[in-house]
C-alpha cells in the first residue's frame, strides 16, 4: 500500500507502535513517522481461555480505540492530513476527511456459535460504518483467498471494494525451488515461543537444510540449540526474505492472512500451523487444506518429518496469481478524493 501511494506521488506518514515503526523505517527512508500505541492485546497459552481472555480485555481495547480517535483529530489538525488509510484500526475515522478501513475479515469467526457470529458482525460493521469506505484485500470472486471471511452474505453499508491481496513479496524471475525448508515464526507470545520450542526439538530429524526466521524484529532472543544444517535469523528485510521464500522447497508457517497473501505471491508449497485458539487462522488453514493448496496441522500434533513427507507426496501448491491493477485504481480514486477543494 505504501509503495503504491508513493508511486502515485502521495506524501505518506505512517503511524504505529515501536516494533511496527522499526520495521517500516528499514523499508522506507522517504516517509514520515508518528508513534501510535497499539491495542496491546495479550494472548493466553491455553486454548480454552482464549475467548474469556479477550473478553476481559475488551474495556481496555475500547479505551484504546477512543484514544486513537482523539490522537487522529490532533494529528490531522497539526500536520494537515488529507486522508487516512486504517489497517484494521477502528478509531482512525474522521468526519472531515476521507478515511478508508482495510480488512479481510468482514465475517468474524466465533467459537461460541452462529448467534455470537451475528453479534460480532453487527459490532464490526458499526465501527466500519464510521469510515468513508472499506477496502478488502482479496479477489472479488468468491471464495478468493479468505473464503467466507471476506465474502460474507451481508456487506457493510458503506462503499466496499476488493483491491486484491497485498504483499511485499513477488515471484522472482528465474527462481528455482531448492531442497530447503523455510520456517517462519510469527505472531504474539506466548504461542510464538511455544511453537519455536516444538520446531527446534524436531529439527535434528529434518534431513533437508533448513532456514529458521524467528520473527523477532527487535532481536535479543536467546540463542537456539539447532543442528549445523539450520541457519537462524531473528528477522530479515523484505528483499532477503522474498528470495528465501522463492528458493524454499517448502515453507512452514502460521496461517494468518498476511502470511497467506505472501505465500500466494511467490507460489509456495506451504505447511500451515494455525495459532491455537485463533479461529481465523484455523478457518484459513482448513480452507486452503480443502482446496489442496496446503498441508495443514495443529500445533499440538505437529510432526515435521511426517508433514514434510506428506507435502512431498501431495505436492500442494498455493499458485501465484496476478492481482491486476485494482489496487492502483483504488489508490488513484482515494487520492483524487483527498485533494483539497
Protein backbone atom coordinates (compact mmCIF):
# COMPACT_ATOMS: atom_id res chain seq x y z
CA UNK A 1 0.00 0.00 0.00
CA UNK A 2 2.77 2.46 0.91
CA UNK A 3 4.66 1.61 -2.28
CA UNK A 4 1.57 2.37 -4.37
CA UNK A 5 0.88 5.64 -2.53
CA UNK A 6 4.47 6.79 -3.12
CA UNK A 7 4.32 5.69 -6.74
CA UNK A 8 1.32 7.97 -7.27
CA UNK A 9 3.04 10.95 -5.65
CA UNK A 10 1.43 10.99 -2.21
CA UNK A 11 3.14 12.38 0.88
CA UNK A 12 2.96 9.48 3.32
CA UNK A 13 3.04 9.46 7.10
CA UNK A 14 2.99 6.05 8.79
CA UNK A 15 1.83 5.55 12.37
CA UNK A 16 2.37 2.56 14.62
CA UNK A 17 3.98 1.22 17.75
CA UNK A 18 7.73 0.92 18.19
CA UNK A 19 8.02 -2.55 16.62
CA UNK A 20 5.92 -1.57 13.61
CA UNK A 21 7.81 1.67 13.09
CA UNK A 22 11.15 -0.09 13.33
CA UNK A 23 10.08 -2.43 10.53
CA UNK A 24 8.80 0.41 8.35
CA UNK A 25 11.88 2.57 8.92
CA UNK A 26 14.03 -0.22 7.46
CA UNK A 27 11.93 -0.29 4.28
CA UNK A 28 11.04 3.39 3.80
CA UNK A 29 13.56 6.16 4.38
CA UNK A 30 11.49 8.73 2.47
CA UNK A 31 8.32 8.86 4.58
CA UNK A 32 7.39 10.43 7.92
CA UNK A 33 6.54 8.50 11.07
CA UNK A 34 4.31 9.06 14.08
CA UNK A 35 4.14 6.95 17.21
CA UNK A 36 0.73 5.40 17.90
CA UNK A 37 0.31 2.80 20.61
CA UNK A 38 -1.42 -0.43 19.64
CA UNK A 39 -4.26 -2.25 21.36
CA UNK A 40 -1.72 -4.39 23.26
CA UNK A 41 -3.88 -7.50 23.27
CA UNK A 42 -2.38 -10.24 25.42
CA UNK A 43 -2.88 -13.87 24.47
CA UNK A 44 -3.00 -16.97 26.61
CA UNK A 45 -1.21 -20.27 26.18
CA UNK A 46 -4.44 -22.16 26.95
CA UNK A 47 -6.88 -22.58 24.06
CA UNK A 48 -9.81 -23.00 26.48
CA UNK A 49 -9.28 -19.48 27.86
CA UNK A 50 -8.88 -17.71 24.51
CA UNK A 51 -12.37 -16.14 24.34
CA UNK A 52 -12.53 -15.35 28.08
CA UNK A 53 -9.11 -13.75 27.88
CA UNK A 54 -10.16 -11.45 25.03
CA UNK A 55 -13.46 -10.58 26.72
CA UNK A 56 -11.60 -9.47 29.84
CA UNK A 57 -9.51 -7.10 27.72
CA UNK A 58 -12.50 -5.56 25.87
CA UNK A 59 -12.75 -2.43 28.10
CA UNK A 60 -9.07 -1.65 27.60
CA UNK A 61 -9.40 -2.15 23.82
CA UNK A 62 -12.38 0.21 23.66
CA UNK A 63 -10.44 2.83 25.58
CA UNK A 64 -7.51 2.42 23.16
CA UNK A 65 -9.90 2.98 20.23
CA UNK A 66 -11.21 6.18 21.81
CA UNK A 67 -7.64 7.35 22.48
CA UNK A 68 -6.52 6.76 18.90
CA UNK A 69 -9.51 8.71 17.58
CA UNK A 70 -8.55 11.68 19.78
CA UNK A 71 -4.95 11.26 18.63
CA UNK A 72 -6.05 11.31 14.97
CA UNK A 73 -8.03 14.54 15.36
CA UNK A 74 -4.92 16.23 16.77
CA UNK A 75 -2.62 14.83 14.05
CA UNK A 76 -4.96 15.85 11.22
CA UNK A 77 -5.09 19.40 12.55
CA UNK A 78 -1.36 19.70 13.27
CA UNK A 79 0.02 18.11 10.08
CA UNK A 80 -2.77 18.96 7.59
CA UNK A 81 -3.55 15.33 6.79
CA UNK A 82 -5.82 14.98 3.74
CA UNK A 83 -6.85 11.33 4.12
CA UNK A 84 -6.36 8.25 6.28
CA UNK A 85 -5.99 4.56 5.45
CA UNK A 86 -6.55 2.44 8.55
CA UNK A 87 -5.21 -1.10 8.69
CA UNK A 88 -7.91 -2.56 10.93
CA UNK A 89 -7.63 0.28 13.47
CA UNK A 90 -11.22 1.11 14.45
CA UNK A 91 -10.52 4.56 15.88
CA UNK A 92 -8.90 6.11 12.80
CA UNK A 93 -12.05 7.62 11.31
CA UNK A 94 -12.60 11.35 10.83
CA UNK A 95 -15.67 13.30 9.76
CA UNK A 96 -13.71 15.98 7.91
CA UNK A 97 -11.54 13.90 5.54
CA UNK A 98 -11.81 10.64 3.55
CA UNK A 99 -10.95 7.60 5.68
CA UNK A 100 -10.54 4.01 4.49
CA UNK A 101 -10.80 0.90 6.65
CA UNK A 102 -8.84 -2.11 5.38
CA UNK A 103 -9.89 -5.59 6.47
CA UNK A 104 -10.22 -9.08 5.02
CA UNK A 105 -12.29 -10.19 7.99
CA UNK A 106 -15.83 -8.95 7.45
CA UNK A 107 -17.21 -12.17 8.87
CA UNK A 108 -15.65 -12.82 12.27
CA UNK A 109 -15.38 -16.47 13.20
CA UNK A 110 -16.65 -17.01 16.72
CA UNK A 111 -16.22 -20.32 18.57
CA UNK A 112 -19.41 -19.62 20.57
CA UNK A 113 -21.72 -20.27 17.63
CA UNK A 114 -23.81 -18.56 14.95
CA UNK A 115 -25.63 -16.13 17.24
CA UNK A 116 -22.34 -14.75 18.54
CA UNK A 117 -21.01 -14.54 14.98
CA UNK A 118 -24.04 -12.42 14.05
CA UNK A 119 -23.49 -10.17 17.06
CA UNK A 120 -19.79 -9.88 16.23
CA UNK A 121 -20.64 -8.90 12.65
CA UNK A 122 -23.04 -6.16 13.80
CA UNK A 123 -20.48 -4.70 16.17
CA UNK A 124 -17.77 -4.93 13.49
CA UNK A 125 -19.96 -3.21 10.87
CA UNK A 126 -20.96 -0.50 13.31
CA UNK A 127 -17.32 0.52 13.68
CA UNK A 128 -16.56 0.10 9.96
CA UNK A 129 -19.59 2.28 9.15
CA UNK A 130 -17.82 5.31 10.65
CA UNK A 131 -15.34 5.29 7.76
CA UNK A 132 -15.84 6.65 4.24
CA UNK A 133 -15.23 3.31 2.57
CA UNK A 134 -13.88 -0.20 3.13
CA UNK A 135 -11.13 -1.89 1.14
CA UNK A 136 -10.94 -5.69 1.18
CA UNK A 137 -7.53 -7.20 0.30
CA UNK A 138 -8.86 -10.18 -1.64
CA UNK A 139 -10.19 -11.09 -5.06
CA UNK A 140 -13.81 -10.14 -5.78
CA UNK A 141 -14.69 -13.64 -6.95
CA UNK A 142 -15.58 -15.96 -4.05
CA UNK A 143 -14.01 -17.75 -2.34
CA UNK A 144 -10.89 -15.71 -3.08
CA UNK A 145 -8.11 -16.29 -0.58
CA UNK A 146 -10.11 -15.71 2.61
CA UNK A 147 -13.35 -17.52 1.73
CA UNK A 148 -16.36 -16.56 3.83
CA UNK A 149 -14.29 -14.14 5.91
CA UNK A 150 -14.01 -11.69 3.02
CA UNK A 151 -17.14 -12.75 1.10
CA UNK A 152 -19.95 -12.65 3.68
CA UNK A 153 -23.64 -12.82 2.82
CA UNK A 154 -24.14 -9.31 4.25
CA UNK A 155 -21.73 -6.47 3.42
CA UNK A 156 -21.12 -3.21 5.33
CA UNK A 157 -23.39 -0.28 4.42
CA UNK A 158 -20.51 1.95 3.26
CA UNK A 159 -18.92 1.60 -0.22
CA UNK A 160 -16.71 -1.52 -0.35
CA UNK A 161 -14.09 -2.52 -2.91
CA UNK A 162 -11.96 -5.64 -3.37
CA UNK A 163 -8.40 -4.44 -4.03
CA UNK A 164 -6.64 -7.79 -4.45
CA UNK A 165 -4.20 -9.40 -1.98
CA UNK A 166 -1.49 -7.14 -0.56
CA UNK A 167 2.05 -8.45 -0.22
CA UNK A 168 5.60 -7.15 -0.26
CA UNK A 169 6.65 -10.46 -1.83
CA UNK A 170 6.78 -11.30 -5.52
CA UNK A 171 7.64 -14.25 -7.71
CA UNK A 172 11.22 -13.53 -8.72
CA UNK A 173 12.19 -14.25 -12.33
CA UNK A 174 14.32 -17.34 -12.74
CA UNK A 175 13.75 -18.55 -9.17
CA UNK A 176 14.16 -22.31 -8.84
CA UNK A 177 12.95 -24.08 -5.71
CA UNK A 178 15.76 -25.84 -3.86
CA UNK A 179 15.67 -28.68 -1.34
CA UNK A 180 15.49 -26.22 1.52
CA UNK A 181 12.79 -25.88 4.19
CA UNK A 182 11.97 -22.36 5.32
CA UNK A 183 10.36 -21.97 8.76
CA UNK A 184 8.73 -18.63 9.51
CA UNK A 185 7.75 -17.94 13.10
CA UNK A 186 5.40 -15.05 13.81
CA UNK A 187 2.55 -13.85 15.94
CA UNK A 188 2.02 -12.95 19.57
CA UNK A 189 3.57 -14.52 22.62
CA UNK A 190 3.45 -16.95 24.25
CA UNK A 191 2.45 -19.05 21.23
CA UNK A 192 5.37 -17.88 19.08
CA UNK A 193 7.87 -19.19 21.65
CA UNK A 194 5.90 -22.38 22.27
CA UNK A 195 5.92 -23.21 18.56
CA UNK A 196 9.61 -22.30 18.30
CA UNK A 197 10.41 -24.80 21.06
CA UNK A 198 8.45 -27.56 19.28
CA UNK A 199 10.19 -26.82 15.98
CA UNK A 200 13.70 -26.75 17.47
CA UNK A 201 13.16 -30.07 19.22
CA UNK A 202 12.30 -31.67 15.88
CA UNK A 203 14.95 -30.03 13.68
CA UNK A 204 17.51 -32.85 14.19
CA UNK A 205 15.14 -35.26 12.41
CA UNK A 206 14.87 -33.00 9.34
CA UNK A 207 17.13 -34.35 6.59
CA UNK A 208 16.89 -31.23 4.42
CA UNK A 209 18.70 -27.99 5.07
CA UNK A 210 16.54 -25.53 6.97
CA UNK A 211 16.35 -21.78 7.47
CA UNK A 212 14.54 -20.54 10.58
CA UNK A 213 13.33 -16.93 10.76
CA UNK A 214 12.30 -16.31 14.36
CA UNK A 215 10.06 -13.30 13.85
CA UNK A 216 11.93 -11.10 16.34
CA UNK A 217 12.46 -7.71 14.63
CA UNK A 218 13.97 -6.31 17.82
CA UNK A 219 16.43 -9.19 18.09
CA UNK A 220 17.56 -10.19 21.54
CA UNK A 221 16.09 -13.67 21.56
CA UNK A 222 18.00 -16.35 23.48
CA UNK A 223 20.36 -18.45 21.32
CA UNK A 224 18.81 -21.61 19.92
CA UNK A 225 20.33 -25.08 20.02
CA UNK A 226 19.91 -26.15 16.39
CA UNK A 227 21.75 -28.57 14.06
CA UNK A 228 24.56 -27.30 11.87
CA UNK A 229 22.31 -27.67 8.81
CA UNK A 230 19.97 -24.96 10.15
CA UNK A 231 20.56 -21.25 9.58
CA UNK A 232 18.80 -18.95 12.09
CA UNK A 233 17.79 -15.31 11.64
CA UNK A 234 15.97 -13.17 14.19
CA UNK A 235 14.46 -11.10 11.38
CA UNK A 236 15.06 -10.41 7.69
CA UNK A 237 14.46 -7.42 5.40
CA UNK A 238 11.81 -7.91 2.75
CA UNK A 239 14.20 -8.44 -0.16
CA UNK A 240 16.16 -11.23 1.55
CA UNK A 241 13.00 -12.90 2.85
CA UNK A 242 11.47 -12.73 -0.64
CA UNK A 243 14.47 -14.56 -2.09
CA UNK A 244 14.32 -17.28 0.56
CA UNK A 245 10.59 -17.80 0.02
CA UNK A 246 11.19 -18.26 -3.69
CA UNK A 247 14.12 -20.63 -3.06
CA UNK A 248 12.36 -22.84 -0.49
CA UNK A 249 11.00 -26.24 -1.42
CA UNK A 250 8.50 -25.97 1.46
CA UNK A 251 7.51 -23.19 3.84
CA UNK A 252 6.29 -23.93 7.38
CA UNK A 253 4.43 -21.02 8.94
CA UNK A 254 1.27 -19.76 10.63
CA UNK A 255 -1.92 -19.39 8.62
CA UNK A 256 -2.51 -15.70 9.35
CA UNK A 257 -3.87 -13.83 6.35
CA UNK A 258 -0.73 -11.73 5.82
CA UNK A 259 1.28 -14.96 5.59
CA UNK A 260 -1.27 -16.48 3.20
CA UNK A 261 -1.01 -13.46 0.88
CA UNK A 262 2.80 -13.67 0.94
CA UNK A 263 2.70 -17.41 0.20
CA UNK A 264 0.47 -16.91 -2.82
CA UNK A 265 2.63 -14.06 -4.11
CA UNK A 266 5.57 -16.48 -4.52
CA UNK A 267 3.58 -19.62 -5.44
CA UNK A 268 4.73 -21.52 -2.34
CA UNK A 269 4.26 -25.10 -1.15
CA UNK A 270 3.02 -24.34 2.38
CA UNK A 271 2.70 -26.33 5.57
CA UNK A 272 0.32 -24.32 7.75
CA UNK A 273 0.12 -24.49 11.55
CA UNK A 274 -2.58 -22.15 12.89
CA UNK A 275 -2.05 -20.40 16.20
CA UNK A 276 -4.07 -22.35 18.81
CA UNK A 277 -7.37 -20.67 19.61
CA UNK A 278 -7.24 -18.17 16.75
CA UNK A 279 -10.38 -19.15 14.84
CA UNK A 280 -9.49 -17.01 11.81
CA UNK A 281 -6.21 -18.86 11.30
CA UNK A 282 -7.87 -22.21 11.86
CA UNK A 283 -10.52 -21.38 9.25
CA UNK A 284 -7.95 -20.21 6.68
CA UNK A 285 -5.88 -23.36 7.18
CA UNK A 286 -8.94 -25.59 6.76
CA UNK A 287 -9.98 -23.66 3.63
CA UNK A 288 -6.59 -23.96 1.93
CA UNK A 289 -6.25 -27.58 3.00
CA UNK A 290 -9.65 -28.46 1.49
CA UNK A 291 -8.57 -26.79 -1.76
CA UNK A 292 -5.34 -28.86 -1.83
CA UNK A 293 -3.28 -25.67 -1.68
CA UNK A 294 -1.56 -26.51 1.63
CA UNK A 295 -0.72 -29.26 4.08
CA UNK A 296 -2.19 -28.37 7.45
CA UNK A 297 -1.64 -29.50 11.01
CA UNK A 298 -2.45 -28.33 14.52
CA UNK A 299 0.38 -27.18 16.77
CA UNK A 300 -0.40 -29.98 19.23
CA UNK A 301 0.08 -32.66 16.54
CA UNK A 302 2.99 -31.04 14.73
CA UNK A 303 5.49 -33.61 13.42
CA UNK A 304 7.93 -32.08 10.97
CA UNK A 305 9.19 -35.33 9.45
CA UNK A 306 5.65 -36.61 8.80
CA UNK A 307 4.43 -33.27 7.42
CA UNK A 308 7.38 -32.90 5.03
CA UNK A 309 6.72 -36.43 3.78
CA UNK A 310 3.06 -35.58 3.22
CA UNK A 311 3.95 -32.33 1.48
CA UNK A 312 6.29 -34.14 -0.90
CA UNK A 313 3.69 -36.83 -1.64
CA UNK A 314 0.72 -34.47 -2.12
CA UNK A 315 2.61 -31.61 -3.82
CA UNK A 316 0.16 -28.98 -2.57
CA UNK A 317 0.82 -25.56 -4.10
CA UNK A 318 -0.74 -22.17 -3.44
CA UNK A 319 -0.43 -20.95 -7.03
CA UNK A 320 0.78 -17.48 -7.87
CA UNK A 321 -1.88 -15.19 -9.33
CA UNK A 322 -1.58 -11.62 -10.55
CA UNK A 323 -3.84 -9.12 -8.81
CA UNK A 324 -4.03 -6.77 -11.78
CA UNK A 325 -4.35 -3.01 -11.46
CA UNK A 326 -7.21 -2.94 -8.92
CA UNK A 327 -5.07 -1.51 -6.11
CA UNK A 328 -3.66 1.18 -8.40
CA UNK A 329 -7.16 2.27 -9.38
CA UNK A 330 -8.40 2.28 -5.78
CA UNK A 331 -5.49 4.40 -4.58
CA UNK A 332 -5.89 6.80 -7.51
CA UNK A 333 -9.56 7.32 -6.67
CA UNK A 334 -8.78 7.83 -2.99
CA UNK A 335 -6.06 10.41 -3.68
CA UNK A 336 -8.37 12.31 -6.02
CA UNK A 337 -10.95 12.43 -3.23
CA UNK A 338 -8.32 13.69 -0.79
CA UNK A 339 -7.33 16.69 -2.90
CA UNK A 340 -8.20 19.93 -1.09
CA UNK A 341 -11.10 21.80 -2.62
